[in-house]
PDB file of N, CA and C in Angstrom:
ATOM      1  N   MET A   1      62.566  -4.598 214.115  1.00  0.00           N
ATOM      2  CA  MET A   1      63.725  -3.882 213.598  1.00  0.00           C
ATOM      3  C   MET A   1      64.811  -3.743 214.658  1.00  0.00           C
ATOM      4  N   ARG A   2      64.435  -3.757 215.943  1.00  0.00           N
ATOM      5  CA  ARG A   2      65.454  -3.644 216.994  1.00  0.00           C
ATOM      6  C   ARG A   2      66.499  -4.734 216.865  1.00  0.00           C
ATOM      7  N   SER A   3      66.078  -5.915 216.440  1.00  0.00           N
ATOM      8  CA  SER A   3      67.009  -7.044 216.340  1.00  0.00           C
ATOM      9  C   SER A   3      68.072  -6.819 215.270  1.00  0.00           C
ATOM     10  N   ARG A   4      67.839  -5.911 214.356  1.00  0.00           N
ATOM     11  CA  ARG A   4      68.814  -5.613 213.300  1.00  0.00           C
ATOM     12  C   ARG A   4      69.753  -4.470 213.665  1.00  0.00           C
ATOM     13  N   SER A   5      69.512  -3.867 214.806  1.00  0.00           N
ATOM     14  CA  SER A   5      70.317  -2.736 215.262  1.00  0.00           C
ATOM     15  C   SER A   5      71.797  -3.103 215.342  1.00  0.00           C
ATOM     16  N   ARG A   6      72.640  -2.122 215.051  1.00  0.00           N
ATOM     17  CA  ARG A   6      74.086  -2.277 215.262  1.00  0.00           C
ATOM     18  C   ARG A   6      74.454  -1.311 216.379  1.00  0.00           C
ATOM     19  N   ALA A   7      74.563  -1.852 217.599  1.00  0.00           N
ATOM     20  CA  ALA A   7      74.838  -1.023 218.776  1.00  0.00           C
ATOM     21  C   ALA A   7      75.909  -1.674 219.654  1.00  0.00           C
ATOM     22  N   PRO A   8      77.114  -1.898 219.099  1.00  0.00           N
ATOM     23  CA  PRO A   8      78.144  -2.621 219.859  1.00  0.00           C
ATOM     24  C   PRO A   8      78.754  -1.823 221.008  1.00  0.00           C
ATOM     25  N   TYR A   9      78.578  -0.527 221.034  1.00  0.00           N
ATOM     26  CA  TYR A   9      79.212   0.307 222.062  1.00  0.00           C
ATOM     27  C   TYR A   9      78.257   0.624 223.204  1.00  0.00           C
ATOM     28  N   SER A  10      77.059   1.052 222.883  1.00  0.00           N
ATOM     29  CA  SER A  10      76.088   1.402 223.926  1.00  0.00           C
ATOM     30  C   SER A  10      75.199   0.222 224.308  1.00  0.00           C
ATOM     31  N   ASN A  11      75.088  -0.754 223.413  1.00  0.00           N
ATOM     32  CA  ASN A  11      74.141  -1.858 223.579  1.00  0.00           C
ATOM     33  C   ASN A  11      72.705  -1.348 223.715  1.00  0.00           C
ATOM     34  N   TYR A  12      72.423  -0.183 223.146  1.00  0.00           N
ATOM     35  CA  TYR A  12      71.088   0.412 223.186  1.00  0.00           C
ATOM     36  C   TYR A  12      70.470   0.275 221.798  1.00  0.00           C
ATOM     37  N   SER A  13      69.748  -0.799 221.604  1.00  0.00           N
ATOM     38  CA  SER A  13      69.142  -1.093 220.307  1.00  0.00           C
ATOM     39  C   SER A  13      67.816  -0.367 220.161  1.00  0.00           C
ATOM     40  N   VAL A  14      67.630   0.221 218.994  1.00  0.00           N
ATOM     41  CA  VAL A  14      66.393   0.949 218.699  1.00  0.00           C
ATOM     42  C   VAL A  14      65.889   0.516 217.330  1.00  0.00           C
ATOM     43  N   GLY A  15      64.608   0.274 217.245  1.00  0.00           N
ATOM     44  CA  GLY A  15      63.953   0.009 215.978  1.00  0.00           C
ATOM     45  C   GLY A  15      62.877   1.054 215.753  1.00  0.00           C
ATOM     46  N   ALA A  16      62.586   1.343 214.513  1.00  0.00           N
ATOM     47  CA  ALA A  16      61.538   2.314 214.201  1.00  0.00           C
ATOM     48  C   ALA A  16      60.794   1.862 212.958  1.00  0.00           C
ATOM     49  N   ALA A  17      59.541   2.263 212.874  1.00  0.00           N
ATOM     50  CA  ALA A  17      58.731   1.992 211.685  1.00  0.00           C
ATOM     51  C   ALA A  17      57.872   3.219 211.415  1.00  0.00           C
ATOM     52  N   ILE A  18      57.775   3.564 210.146  1.00  0.00           N
ATOM     53  CA  ILE A  18      56.965   4.706 209.728  1.00  0.00           C
ATOM     54  C   ILE A  18      55.834   4.189 208.841  1.00  0.00           C
ATOM     55  N   GLU A  19      54.635   4.706 209.061  1.00  0.00           N
ATOM     56  CA  GLU A  19      53.509   4.372 208.196  1.00  0.00           C
ATOM     57  C   GLU A  19      53.307   5.513 207.221  1.00  0.00           C
ATOM     58  N   THR A  20      53.334   5.189 205.931  1.00  0.00           N
ATOM     59  CA  THR A  20      53.127   6.203 204.906  1.00  0.00           C
ATOM     60  C   THR A  20      51.629   6.495 204.779  1.00  0.00           C
ATOM     61  N   GLU A  21      51.303   7.589 204.121  1.00  0.00           N
ATOM     62  CA  GLU A  21      49.898   7.970 203.938  1.00  0.00           C
ATOM     63  C   GLU A  21      49.096   6.896 203.219  1.00  0.00           C
ATOM     64  N   ASN A  22      49.750   6.110 202.355  1.00  0.00           N
ATOM     65  CA  ASN A  22      49.011   5.064 201.643  1.00  0.00           C
ATOM     66  C   ASN A  22      49.081   3.715 202.345  1.00  0.00           C
ATOM     67  N   GLY A  23      49.553   3.697 203.603  1.00  0.00           N
ATOM     68  CA  GLY A  23      49.496   2.484 204.412  1.00  0.00           C
ATOM     69  C   GLY A  23      50.713   1.586 204.383  1.00  0.00           C
ATOM     70  N   ASN A  24      51.734   1.942 203.630  1.00  0.00           N
ATOM     71  CA  ASN A  24      52.952   1.132 203.639  1.00  0.00           C
ATOM     72  C   ASN A  24      53.704   1.338 204.945  1.00  0.00           C
ATOM     73  N   ILE A  25      54.352   0.280 205.418  1.00  0.00           N
ATOM     74  CA  ILE A  25      55.166   0.334 206.630  1.00  0.00           C
ATOM     75  C   ILE A  25      56.618   0.129 206.230  1.00  0.00           C
ATOM     76  N   ILE A  26      57.473   1.044 206.674  1.00  0.00           N
ATOM     77  CA  ILE A  26      58.905   0.979 206.378  1.00  0.00           C
ATOM     78  C   ILE A  26      59.633   0.946 207.710  1.00  0.00           C
ATOM     79  N   GLY A  27      60.622   0.058 207.824  1.00  0.00           N
ATOM     80  CA  GLY A  27      61.347  -0.094 209.078  1.00  0.00           C
ATOM     81  C   GLY A  27      62.788   0.353 208.985  1.00  0.00           C
ATOM     82  N   GLY A  28      63.378   0.575 210.153  1.00  0.00           N
ATOM     83  CA  GLY A  28      64.787   0.942 210.243  1.00  0.00           C
ATOM     84  C   GLY A  28      65.292   0.723 211.655  1.00  0.00           C
ATOM     85  N   CYS A  29      66.592   0.800 211.834  1.00  0.00           N
ATOM     86  CA  CYS A  29      67.204   0.599 213.146  1.00  0.00           C
ATOM     87  C   CYS A  29      68.397   1.531 213.301  1.00  0.00           C
ATOM     88  N   ASN A  30      68.855   1.684 214.551  1.00  0.00           N
ATOM     89  CA  ASN A  30      70.024   2.532 214.774  1.00  0.00           C
ATOM     90  C   ASN A  30      71.297   1.807 214.341  1.00  0.00           C
ATOM     91  N   VAL A  31      72.281   2.585 213.909  1.00  0.00           N
ATOM     92  CA  VAL A  31      73.575   2.060 213.477  1.00  0.00           C
ATOM     93  C   VAL A  31      74.649   2.885 214.169  1.00  0.00           C
ATOM     94  N   GLU A  32      75.369   2.247 215.101  1.00  0.00           N
ATOM     95  CA  GLU A  32      76.426   2.936 215.839  1.00  0.00           C
ATOM     96  C   GLU A  32      77.767   2.791 215.139  1.00  0.00           C
ATOM     97  N   ILE A  33      78.539   3.848 215.223  1.00  0.00           N
ATOM     98  CA  ILE A  33      79.907   3.898 214.727  1.00  0.00           C
ATOM     99  C   ILE A  33      80.768   4.302 215.921  1.00  0.00           C
ATOM    100  N   SER A  34      82.014   3.830 215.967  1.00  0.00           N
ATOM    101  CA  SER A  34      82.864   4.121 217.130  1.00  0.00           C
ATOM    102  C   SER A  34      83.031   5.616 217.358  1.00  0.00           C
ATOM    103  N   SER A  35      82.999   6.397 216.300  1.00  0.00           N
ATOM    104  CA  SER A  35      82.971   7.850 216.432  1.00  0.00           C
ATOM    105  C   SER A  35      81.497   8.235 216.560  1.00  0.00           C
ATOM    106  N   TYR A  36      81.020   8.341 217.810  1.00  0.00           N
ATOM    107  CA  TYR A  36      79.584   8.476 218.079  1.00  0.00           C
ATOM    108  C   TYR A  36      78.872   9.538 217.252  1.00  0.00           C
ATOM    109  N   GLY A  37      79.533  10.606 216.910  1.00  0.00           N
ATOM    110  CA  GLY A  37      78.895  11.660 216.131  1.00  0.00           C
ATOM    111  C   GLY A  37      78.431  11.198 214.759  1.00  0.00           C
ATOM    112  N   LEU A  38      78.984  10.100 214.276  1.00  0.00           N
ATOM    113  CA  LEU A  38      78.600   9.556 212.975  1.00  0.00           C
ATOM    114  C   LEU A  38      77.502   8.507 213.081  1.00  0.00           C
ATOM    115  N   THR A  39      77.096   8.195 214.288  1.00  0.00           N
ATOM    116  CA  THR A  39      76.014   7.242 214.524  1.00  0.00           C
ATOM    117  C   THR A  39      74.712   7.811 213.974  1.00  0.00           C
ATOM    118  N   CYS A  40      73.840   6.935 213.503  1.00  0.00           N
ATOM    119  CA  CYS A  40      72.536   7.386 213.014  1.00  0.00           C
ATOM    120  C   CYS A  40      71.433   6.662 213.780  1.00  0.00           C
ATOM    121  N   CYS A  41      70.533   7.435 214.328  1.00  0.00           N
ATOM    122  CA  CYS A  41      69.411   6.911 215.110  1.00  0.00           C
ATOM    123  C   CYS A  41      68.384   6.230 214.203  1.00  0.00           C
ATOM    124  N   ALA A  42      67.646   5.293 214.778  1.00  0.00           N
ATOM    125  CA  ALA A  42      66.637   4.549 214.021  1.00  0.00           C
ATOM    126  C   ALA A  42      65.583   5.458 213.403  1.00  0.00           C
ATOM    127  N   GLU A  43      65.195   6.500 214.123  1.00  0.00           N
ATOM    128  CA  GLU A  43      64.159   7.399 213.610  1.00  0.00           C
ATOM    129  C   GLU A  43      64.615   8.079 212.323  1.00  0.00           C
ATOM    130  N   ARG A  44      65.860   8.529 212.295  1.00  0.00           N
ATOM    131  CA  ARG A  44      66.366   9.176 211.082  1.00  0.00           C
ATOM    132  C   ARG A  44      66.607   8.156 209.981  1.00  0.00           C
ATOM    133  N   VAL A  45      67.103   6.977 210.343  1.00  0.00           N
ATOM    134  CA  VAL A  45      67.307   5.927 209.338  1.00  0.00           C
ATOM    135  C   VAL A  45      65.995   5.624 208.627  1.00  0.00           C
ATOM    136  N   VAL A  46      64.923   5.406 209.386  1.00  0.00           N
ATOM    137  CA  VAL A  46      63.657   5.022 208.766  1.00  0.00           C
ATOM    138  C   VAL A  46      63.082   6.158 207.923  1.00  0.00           C
ATOM    139  N   LEU A  47      63.210   7.385 208.388  1.00  0.00           N
ATOM    140  CA  LEU A  47      62.697   8.508 207.596  1.00  0.00           C
ATOM    141  C   LEU A  47      63.505   8.725 206.326  1.00  0.00           C
ATOM    142  N   PHE A  48      64.821   8.656 206.424  1.00  0.00           N
ATOM    143  CA  PHE A  48      65.653   8.833 205.233  1.00  0.00           C
ATOM    144  C   PHE A  48      65.431   7.688 204.249  1.00  0.00           C
ATOM    145  N   ARG A  49      65.228   6.476 204.775  1.00  0.00           N
ATOM    146  CA  ARG A  49      64.929   5.341 203.898  1.00  0.00           C
ATOM    147  C   ARG A  49      63.607   5.578 203.165  1.00  0.00           C
ATOM    148  N   ALA A  50      62.594   6.018 203.900  1.00  0.00           N
ATOM    149  CA  ALA A  50      61.291   6.274 203.279  1.00  0.00           C
ATOM    150  C   ALA A  50      61.393   7.346 202.201  1.00  0.00           C
ATOM    151  N   ILE A  51      62.095   8.422 202.489  1.00  0.00           N
ATOM    152  CA  ILE A  51      62.285   9.487 201.498  1.00  0.00           C
ATOM    153  C   ILE A  51      63.011   8.939 200.276  1.00  0.00           C
ATOM    154  N   SER A  52      64.058   8.143 200.499  1.00  0.00           N
ATOM    155  CA  SER A  52      64.836   7.611 199.369  1.00  0.00           C
ATOM    156  C   SER A  52      64.034   6.614 198.543  1.00  0.00           C
ATOM    157  N   GLU A  53      62.989   6.027 199.140  1.00  0.00           N
ATOM    158  CA  GLU A  53      62.118   5.108 198.408  1.00  0.00           C
ATOM    159  C   GLU A  53      60.945   5.835 197.748  1.00  0.00           C
ATOM    160  N   GLY A  54      60.917   7.165 197.853  1.00  0.00           N
ATOM    161  CA  GLY A  54      59.916   7.950 197.141  1.00  0.00           C
ATOM    162  C   GLY A  54      58.714   8.390 197.947  1.00  0.00           C
ATOM    163  N   TYR A  55      58.684   8.100 199.238  1.00  0.00           N
ATOM    164  CA  TYR A  55      57.558   8.514 200.077  1.00  0.00           C
ATOM    165  C   TYR A  55      57.820   9.896 200.656  1.00  0.00           C
ATOM    166  N   ASP A  56      56.762  10.682 200.789  1.00  0.00           N
ATOM    167  CA  ASP A  56      56.945  12.023 201.350  1.00  0.00           C
ATOM    168  C   ASP A  56      55.789  12.467 202.240  1.00  0.00           C
ATOM    169  N   SER A  57      54.885  11.549 202.540  1.00  0.00           N
ATOM    170  CA  SER A  57      53.749  11.878 203.387  1.00  0.00           C
ATOM    171  C   SER A  57      53.516  10.715 204.352  1.00  0.00           C
ATOM    172  N   PHE A  58      53.423  11.039 205.650  1.00  0.00           N
ATOM    173  CA  PHE A  58      53.422  10.000 206.668  1.00  0.00           C
ATOM    174  C   PHE A  58      52.285  10.175 207.664  1.00  0.00           C
ATOM    175  N   LYS A  59      51.797   9.037 208.202  1.00  0.00           N
ATOM    176  CA  LYS A  59      50.709   9.033 209.182  1.00  0.00           C
ATOM    177  C   LYS A  59      51.213   8.929 210.611  1.00  0.00           C
ATOM    178  N   ALA A  60      52.145   8.006 210.856  1.00  0.00           N
ATOM    179  CA  ALA A  60      52.557   7.735 212.232  1.00  0.00           C
ATOM    180  C   ALA A  60      53.942   7.104 212.243  1.00  0.00           C
ATOM    181  N   LEU A  61      54.614   7.254 213.378  1.00  0.00           N
ATOM    182  CA  LEU A  61      55.947   6.693 213.597  1.00  0.00           C
ATOM    183  C   LEU A  61      55.920   5.892 214.888  1.00  0.00           C
ATOM    184  N   SER A  62      56.499   4.695 214.859  1.00  0.00           N
ATOM    185  CA  SER A  62      56.659   3.890 216.069  1.00  0.00           C
ATOM    186  C   SER A  62      58.139   3.745 216.356  1.00  0.00           C
ATOM    187  N   VAL A  63      58.501   3.855 217.632  1.00  0.00           N
ATOM    188  CA  VAL A  63      59.889   3.725 218.063  1.00  0.00           C
ATOM    189  C   VAL A  63      59.926   2.695 219.181  1.00  0.00           C
ATOM    190  N   ALA A  64      60.796   1.689 219.049  1.00  0.00           N
ATOM    191  CA  ALA A  64      60.891   0.625 220.046  1.00  0.00           C
ATOM    192  C   ALA A  64      62.297   0.559 220.627  1.00  0.00           C
ATOM    193  N   THR A  65      62.368   0.614 221.956  1.00  0.00           N
ATOM    194  CA  THR A  65      63.628   0.470 222.685  1.00  0.00           C
ATOM    195  C   THR A  65      63.401  -0.517 223.827  1.00  0.00           C
ATOM    196  N   GLU A  66      64.452  -0.865 224.517  1.00  0.00           N
ATOM    197  CA  GLU A  66      64.336  -1.736 225.689  1.00  0.00           C
ATOM    198  C   GLU A  66      63.473  -1.092 226.776  1.00  0.00           C
ATOM    199  N   ASN A  67      63.660   0.222 226.964  1.00  0.00           N
ATOM    200  CA  ASN A  67      63.052   0.891 228.113  1.00  0.00           C
ATOM    201  C   ASN A  67      62.093   2.034 227.760  1.00  0.00           C
ATOM    202  N   GLY A  68      61.667   2.125 226.517  1.00  0.00           N
ATOM    203  CA  GLY A  68      60.711   3.172 226.137  1.00  0.00           C
ATOM    204  C   GLY A  68      61.316   4.550 225.987  1.00  0.00           C
ATOM    205  N   GLY A  69      62.587   4.613 225.593  1.00  0.00           N
ATOM    206  CA  GLY A  69      63.270   5.895 225.418  1.00  0.00           C
ATOM    207  C   GLY A  69      62.654   6.740 224.313  1.00  0.00           C
ATOM    208  N   MET A  70      62.701   8.039 224.502  1.00  0.00           N
ATOM    209  CA  MET A  70      62.132   8.998 223.557  1.00  0.00           C
ATOM    210  C   MET A  70      63.164   9.389 222.495  1.00  0.00           C
ATOM    211  N   PRO A  71      62.718   9.903 221.340  1.00  0.00           N
ATOM    212  CA  PRO A  71      63.649  10.374 220.309  1.00  0.00           C
ATOM    213  C   PRO A  71      64.544  11.503 220.829  1.00  0.00           C
ATOM    214  N   CYS A  72      65.782  11.520 220.357  1.00  0.00           N
ATOM    215  CA  CYS A  72      66.719  12.580 220.736  1.00  0.00           C
ATOM    216  C   CYS A  72      66.320  13.893 220.047  1.00  0.00           C
ATOM    217  N   GLY A  73      66.991  14.962 220.398  1.00  0.00           N
ATOM    218  CA  GLY A  73      66.676  16.274 219.837  1.00  0.00           C
ATOM    219  C   GLY A  73      66.838  16.337 218.333  1.00  0.00           C
ATOM    220  N   ALA A  74      67.914  15.736 217.810  1.00  0.00           N
ATOM    221  CA  ALA A  74      68.127  15.746 216.361  1.00  0.00           C
ATOM    222  C   ALA A  74      66.993  15.023 215.646  1.00  0.00           C
ATOM    223  N   CYS A  75      66.574  13.889 216.198  1.00  0.00           N
ATOM    224  CA  CYS A  75      65.478  13.142 215.579  1.00  0.00           C
ATOM    225  C   CYS A  75      64.170  13.912 215.655  1.00  0.00           C
ATOM    226  N   ARG A  76      63.938  14.598 216.754  1.00  0.00           N
ATOM    227  CA  ARG A  76      62.716  15.398 216.881  1.00  0.00           C
ATOM    228  C   ARG A  76      62.658  16.468 215.795  1.00  0.00           C
ATOM    229  N   GLN A  77      63.789  17.098 215.523  1.00  0.00           N
ATOM    230  CA  GLN A  77      63.853  18.119 214.472  1.00  0.00           C
ATOM    231  C   GLN A  77      63.558  17.509 213.104  1.00  0.00           C
ATOM    232  N   VAL A  78      64.181  16.371 212.813  1.00  0.00           N
ATOM    233  CA  VAL A  78      63.983  15.711 211.517  1.00  0.00           C
ATOM    234  C   VAL A  78      62.537  15.239 211.376  1.00  0.00           C
ATOM    235  N   ILE A  79      61.991  14.642 212.432  1.00  0.00           N
ATOM    236  CA  ILE A  79      60.594  14.199 212.392  1.00  0.00           C
ATOM    237  C   ILE A  79      59.679  15.381 212.083  1.00  0.00           C
ATOM    238  N   TRP A  80      59.893  16.489 212.778  1.00  0.00           N
ATOM    239  CA  TRP A  80      59.052  17.668 212.547  1.00  0.00           C
ATOM    240  C   TRP A  80      59.162  18.150 211.105  1.00  0.00           C
ATOM    241  N   GLU A  81      60.380  18.267 210.615  1.00  0.00           N
ATOM    242  CA  GLU A  81      60.571  18.819 209.281  1.00  0.00           C
ATOM    243  C   GLU A  81      60.024  17.909 208.188  1.00  0.00           C
ATOM    244  N   LEU A  82      60.196  16.595 208.334  1.00  0.00           N
ATOM    245  CA  LEU A  82      59.768  15.675 207.279  1.00  0.00           C
ATOM    246  C   LEU A  82      58.321  15.205 207.427  1.00  0.00           C
ATOM    247  N   CYS A  83      57.780  15.257 208.639  1.00  0.00           N
ATOM    248  CA  CYS A  83      56.448  14.693 208.885  1.00  0.00           C
ATOM    249  C   CYS A  83      55.423  15.694 209.374  1.00  0.00           C
ATOM    250  N   GLY A  84      55.873  16.828 209.888  1.00  0.00           N
ATOM    251  CA  GLY A  84      54.934  17.732 210.531  1.00  0.00           C
ATOM    252  C   GLY A  84      54.430  17.121 211.824  1.00  0.00           C
ATOM    253  N   ASN A  85      53.211  17.436 212.182  1.00  0.00           N
ATOM    254  CA  ASN A  85      52.658  16.943 213.446  1.00  0.00           C
ATOM    255  C   ASN A  85      52.003  15.584 213.235  1.00  0.00           C
ATOM    256  N   ILE A  86      52.723  14.525 213.570  1.00  0.00           N
ATOM    257  CA  ILE A  86      52.187  13.166 213.439  1.00  0.00           C
ATOM    258  C   ILE A  86      52.224  12.476 214.798  1.00  0.00           C
ATOM    259  N   SER A  87      51.490  11.381 214.901  1.00  0.00           N
ATOM    260  CA  SER A  87      51.510  10.567 216.117  1.00  0.00           C
ATOM    261  C   SER A  87      52.792   9.758 216.172  1.00  0.00           C
ATOM    262  N   ILE A  88      53.377   9.702 217.365  1.00  0.00           N
ATOM    263  CA  ILE A  88      54.561   8.880 217.604  1.00  0.00           C
ATOM    264  C   ILE A  88      54.208   7.920 218.732  1.00  0.00           C
ATOM    265  N   TYR A  89      54.417   6.627 218.472  1.00  0.00           N
ATOM    266  CA  TYR A  89      54.134   5.588 219.456  1.00  0.00           C
ATOM    267  C   TYR A  89      55.457   5.089 220.012  1.00  0.00           C
ATOM    268  N   ILE A  90      55.649   5.252 221.307  1.00  0.00           N
ATOM    269  CA  ILE A  90      56.879   4.861 221.978  1.00  0.00           C
ATOM    270  C   ILE A  90      56.633   3.517 222.663  1.00  0.00           C
ATOM    271  N   CYS A  91      57.471   2.540 222.361  1.00  0.00           N
ATOM    272  CA  CYS A  91      57.298   1.192 222.894  1.00  0.00           C
ATOM    273  C   CYS A  91      58.550   0.730 223.625  1.00  0.00           C
ATOM    274  N   ASP A  92      58.339  -0.119 224.635  1.00  0.00           N
ATOM    275  CA  ASP A  92      59.460  -0.788 225.279  1.00  0.00           C
ATOM    276  C   ASP A  92      59.339  -2.279 224.976  1.00  0.00           C
ATOM    277  N   LYS A  93      60.111  -3.101 225.663  1.00  0.00           N
ATOM    278  CA  LYS A  93      60.118  -4.538 225.373  1.00  0.00           C
ATOM    279  C   LYS A  93      58.768  -5.204 225.642  1.00  0.00           C
ATOM    280  N   ASN A  94      57.886  -4.542 226.393  1.00  0.00           N
ATOM    281  CA  ASN A  94      56.576  -5.101 226.708  1.00  0.00           C
ATOM    282  C   ASN A  94      55.441  -4.535 225.862  1.00  0.00           C
ATOM    283  N   GLY A  95      55.720  -3.529 225.050  1.00  0.00           N
ATOM    284  CA  GLY A  95      54.681  -2.950 224.208  1.00  0.00           C
ATOM    285  C   GLY A  95      54.612  -1.440 224.336  1.00  0.00           C
ATOM    286  N   LEU A  96      53.442  -0.883 224.049  1.00  0.00           N
ATOM    287  CA  LEU A  96      53.247   0.568 224.020  1.00  0.00           C
ATOM    288  C   LEU A  96      53.441   1.191 225.399  1.00  0.00           C
ATOM    289  N   VAL A  97      54.263   2.224 225.452  1.00  0.00           N
ATOM    290  CA  VAL A  97      54.485   2.988 226.677  1.00  0.00           C
ATOM    291  C   VAL A  97      53.657   4.262 226.643  1.00  0.00           C
ATOM    292  N   LYS A  98      53.739   4.978 225.519  1.00  0.00           N
ATOM    293  CA  LYS A  98      52.969   6.215 225.401  1.00  0.00           C
ATOM    294  C   LYS A  98      52.821   6.600 223.947  1.00  0.00           C
ATOM    295  N   SER A  99      51.834   7.441 223.710  1.00  0.00           N
ATOM    296  CA  SER A  99      51.592   8.020 222.398  1.00  0.00           C
ATOM    297  C   SER A  99      51.708   9.526 222.553  1.00  0.00           C
ATOM    298  N   VAL A 100      52.486  10.152 221.680  1.00  0.00           N
ATOM    299  CA  VAL A 100      52.662  11.604 221.717  1.00  0.00           C
ATOM    300  C   VAL A 100      52.537  12.152 220.301  1.00  0.00           C
ATOM    301  N   GLU A 101      52.302  13.432 220.204  1.00  0.00           N
ATOM    302  CA  GLU A 101      52.318  14.106 218.911  1.00  0.00           C
ATOM    303  C   GLU A 101      53.693  14.729 218.726  1.00  0.00           C
ATOM    304  N   SER A 102      54.212  14.687 217.507  1.00  0.00           N
ATOM    305  CA  SER A 102      55.553  15.221 217.270  1.00  0.00           C
ATOM    306  C   SER A 102      55.645  16.697 217.642  1.00  0.00           C
ATOM    307  N   GLY A 103      54.579  17.444 217.464  1.00  0.00           N
ATOM    308  CA  GLY A 103      54.584  18.857 217.827  1.00  0.00           C
ATOM    309  C   GLY A 103      54.783  19.096 219.314  1.00  0.00           C
ATOM    310  N   ASP A 104      54.377  18.131 220.129  1.00  0.00           N
ATOM    311  CA  ASP A 104      54.571  18.256 221.576  1.00  0.00           C
ATOM    312  C   ASP A 104      56.019  18.002 221.977  1.00  0.00           C
ATOM    313  N   LEU A 105      56.761  17.320 221.115  1.00  0.00           N
ATOM    314  CA  LEU A 105      58.155  16.994 221.431  1.00  0.00           C
ATOM    315  C   LEU A 105      59.121  18.112 221.075  1.00  0.00           C
ATOM    316  N   ILE A 106      58.692  19.037 220.230  1.00  0.00           N
ATOM    317  CA  ILE A 106      59.591  20.110 219.807  1.00  0.00           C
ATOM    318  C   ILE A 106      58.800  21.411 219.702  1.00  0.00           C
ATOM    319  N   PRO A 107      58.547  22.038 220.840  1.00  0.00           N
ATOM    320  CA  PRO A 107      57.812  23.301 220.808  1.00  0.00           C
ATOM    321  C   PRO A 107      58.637  24.389 220.118  1.00  0.00           C
ATOM    322  N   ASP A 108      57.966  25.241 219.375  1.00  0.00           N
ATOM    323  CA  ASP A 108      58.619  26.331 218.648  1.00  0.00           C
ATOM    324  C   ASP A 108      59.813  25.836 217.823  1.00  0.00           C
ATOM    325  N   PRO A 109      59.569  24.889 216.908  1.00  0.00           N
ATOM    326  CA  PRO A 109      60.669  24.303 216.139  1.00  0.00           C
ATOM    327  C   PRO A 109      61.274  25.273 215.132  1.00  0.00           C
ATOM    328  N   PHE A 110      62.497  25.013 214.777  1.00  0.00           N
ATOM    329  CA  PHE A 110      63.119  25.720 213.667  1.00  0.00           C
ATOM    330  C   PHE A 110      62.683  24.990 212.410  1.00  0.00           C
ATOM    331  N   ASP A 111      62.069  25.704 211.483  1.00  0.00           N
ATOM    332  CA  ASP A 111      61.639  25.087 210.232  1.00  0.00           C
ATOM    333  C   ASP A 111      61.704  26.107 209.107  1.00  0.00           C
ATOM    334  N   ASP A 112      61.162  25.735 207.954  1.00  0.00           N
ATOM    335  CA  ASP A 112      61.281  26.596 206.775  1.00  0.00           C
ATOM    336  C   ASP A 112      60.637  27.967 206.963  1.00  0.00           C
ATOM    337  N   THR A 113      59.683  28.083 207.870  1.00  0.00           N
ATOM    338  CA  THR A 113      59.077  29.400 208.097  1.00  0.00           C
ATOM    339  C   THR A 113      60.074  30.383 208.704  1.00  0.00           C
ATOM    340  N   LYS A 114      61.091  29.879 209.362  1.00  0.00           N
ATOM    341  CA  LYS A 114      62.118  30.743 209.963  1.00  0.00           C
ATOM    342  C   LYS A 114      63.128  31.228 208.922  1.00  0.00           C
ATOM    343  N   LEU A 115      63.111  30.615 207.748  1.00  0.00           N
ATOM    344  CA  LEU A 115      64.064  30.961 206.691  1.00  0.00           C
ATOM    345  C   LEU A 115      63.527  32.024 205.745  1.00  0.00           C
ATOM    346  N   GLU A 116      62.304  32.458 205.955  1.00  0.00           N
ATOM    347  CA  GLU A 116      61.691  33.444 205.058  1.00  0.00           C
ATOM    348  C   GLU A 116      62.151  34.841 205.386  1.00  0.00           C
TER     349      GLU A 116
END
C-alpha cells in the first residue's frame, strides 16, 4: 500500500493494513494535501475504509513506513476508539520493527466512558 501513497510534499509514504475479525485484510495509504491539516494518515484511511465497507471488529493493524515510524496522536486516538486494544505491527522497508498494543500507545485515552 505504501506504493499507492500520495505524499508529494513530505515524501513520507505510509501504507497500512487492518485484519478484520473474520480474516479479511483491507489496505490503505496516506494522502497528502498542500494544506497539511487536510492530509489523512494511512491508519485512518484504512480504518475509515473498513468501517465504510461494513466491518466493525478488528484483530490487528500493520503500518509500513520507510523508517518504522509510529502512528501520530490523532491516529492513536482513532485506533483506540474503533479497535480497542489490538496488536499493531510497525514495519520499515526491511520488515517488522516492533509489535505494540494500541493501549500502550495511548495511556488514559479519551473515549466514550468520559462522555457519561
